[in-house]
Amino acid sequence: MELSADFKRALRLFVYYYFNGTLAYLVKDGQLLSEVDYAVQLANQPSTMEQVFAIYTNNIKMDEIGNVINQKHAMNRAAQFIIAVCHRSEEAYKVIPEFEPWEMELH
């Protein structure tokens, strides 16, 4: 089975917003995300980057023909992880709901 064109589009947009530094404008807790230069802060943390993309892709849902039906939710969950990692020292951010084990799985 091939990845659908809609999934490829959704993933491309997520990657674009992430690396362009504009993910904050698309997610619920965007203000907290905009307070840090997350792309620079996470650039030297490949395992953290891997986890961000795992959370995003594990949360994506598609209909029977491959159309992504929850892009915003998947981006929000990935952004929550980024915020939690970037604000870890302050412990000012709590992910709600907490991540389920299936969301964190690396494949």
Protein backbone atom coordinates (compact mmCIF):
# COMPACT_ATOMS: atom_id res chain seq x y z
CA MET A 1 0.00 0.00 0.00
CA GLU A 2 1.30 3.44 -0.90
CA LEU A 3 0.98 6.53 1.23
CA SER A 4 -1.90 8.65 0.01
CA ALA A 5 -1.27 11.96 -1.72
CA ASP A 6 -3.26 13.65 1.06
CA PHE A 7 -1.03 12.15 3.76
CA LYS A 8 2.07 13.23 1.85
CA ARG A 9 0.60 16.76 1.65
CA ALA A 10 -0.22 16.79 5.37
CA LEU A 11 3.26 15.58 6.32
CA ARG A 12 4.92 18.09 3.99
CA LEU A 13 2.91 20.92 5.58
CA PHE A 14 3.78 19.79 9.10
CA VAL A 15 7.48 19.68 8.20
CA TYR A 16 7.23 23.08 6.53
CA TYR A 17 5.52 24.72 9.53
CA TYR A 18 7.91 23.05 11.95
CA PHE A 19 11.14 24.13 10.23
CA ASN A 20 9.79 27.51 9.20
CA GLY A 21 9.08 28.24 12.86
CA THR A 22 5.39 28.90 12.21
CA LEU A 23 3.88 25.84 13.90
CA ALA A 24 2.91 28.12 16.80
CA TYR A 25 0.33 29.85 14.61
CA LEU A 26 -1.54 26.61 13.95
CA VAL A 27 -1.81 24.94 17.34
CA LYS A 28 -3.83 25.44 20.52
CA ASP A 29 -0.93 26.34 22.81
CA GLY A 30 0.76 28.44 20.17
CA GLN A 31 1.71 31.27 22.50
CA LEU A 32 3.86 28.92 24.60
CA LEU A 33 5.39 27.50 21.45
CA SER A 34 6.16 30.96 20.05
CA GLU A 35 8.10 31.85 23.21
CA VAL A 36 10.99 29.56 22.24
CA ASP A 37 13.03 29.00 19.10
CA TYR A 38 12.17 25.32 19.13
CA ALA A 39 13.76 24.48 15.77
CA VAL A 40 17.14 25.74 16.99
CA GLN A 41 16.70 24.33 20.48
CA LEU A 42 15.88 20.83 19.15
CA ALA A 43 18.28 20.84 16.19
CA ASN A 44 20.97 18.96 18.12
CA GLN A 45 18.56 16.51 19.70
CA PRO A 46 17.86 13.91 17.01
CA SER A 47 16.01 11.54 19.35
CA THR A 48 13.68 14.37 20.38
CA MET A 49 13.08 15.21 16.72
CA GLU A 50 12.36 11.54 16.08
CA GLN A 51 9.80 11.57 18.90
CA VAL A 52 8.08 14.69 17.51
CA PHE A 53 7.56 13.01 14.16
CA ALA A 54 6.50 9.73 15.79
CA ILE A 55 3.81 11.54 17.78
CA TYR A 56 2.62 13.37 14.69
CA THR A 57 2.42 10.26 12.51
CA ASN A 58 0.97 8.04 15.24
CA ASN A 59 -1.87 10.52 15.69
CA ILE A 60 -2.74 10.93 12.01
CA LYS A 61 -6.03 9.34 11.00
CA MET A 62 -7.22 8.82 7.46
CA ASP A 63 -10.51 7.80 5.94
CA GLU A 64 -10.90 4.74 3.73
CA ILE A 65 -9.53 6.51 0.65
CA GLY A 66 -6.51 8.03 2.38
CA ASN A 67 -7.72 11.55 3.12
CA VAL A 68 -6.29 12.93 6.37
CA ILE A 69 -9.15 13.76 8.71
CA ASN A 70 -7.32 15.14 11.76
CA GLN A 71 -4.27 17.13 10.67
CA LYS A 72 -4.84 19.81 13.32
CA HIS A 73 -5.03 17.24 16.12
CA ALA A 74 -1.83 15.49 15.04
CA MET A 75 -0.01 18.83 14.85
CA ASN A 76 -1.34 19.82 18.29
CA ARG A 77 -0.09 16.62 19.90
CA ALA A 78 3.37 17.01 18.35
CA ALA A 79 3.43 20.66 19.42
CA GLN A 80 2.50 19.70 22.99
CA PHE A 81 5.56 17.46 23.12
CA ILE A 82 7.77 20.24 21.76
CA ILE A 83 6.42 22.69 24.34
CA ALA A 84 6.95 20.20 27.16
CA VAL A 85 10.54 19.55 26.10
CA CYS A 86 11.38 23.22 25.59
CA HIS A 87 9.79 24.30 28.90
CA ARG A 88 11.08 21.33 30.89
CA SER A 89 13.31 23.34 33.22
CA GLU A 90 10.45 25.60 34.20
CA GLU A 91 7.97 22.75 34.50
CA ALA A 92 5.39 25.31 33.48
CA TYR A 93 3.60 23.13 30.95
CA LYS A 94 1.63 19.95 31.50
CA VAL A 95 0.48 17.93 28.51
CA ILE A 96 -3.28 17.34 28.76
CA PRO A 97 -4.28 14.67 28.11
CA GLU A 98 -1.02 12.92 28.92
CA PHE A 99 0.55 10.97 26.09
CA GLU A 100 -0.62 7.40 25.68
CA PRO A 101 2.06 4.75 25.05
CA TRP A 102 0.83 4.23 21.46
CA GLU A 103 1.41 7.92 20.69
CA MET A 104 5.06 7.65 21.69
CA GLU A 105 5.88 4.42 19.81
CA LEU A 106 8.74 4.55 17.34
CA HIS A 107 8.24 2.28 14.33
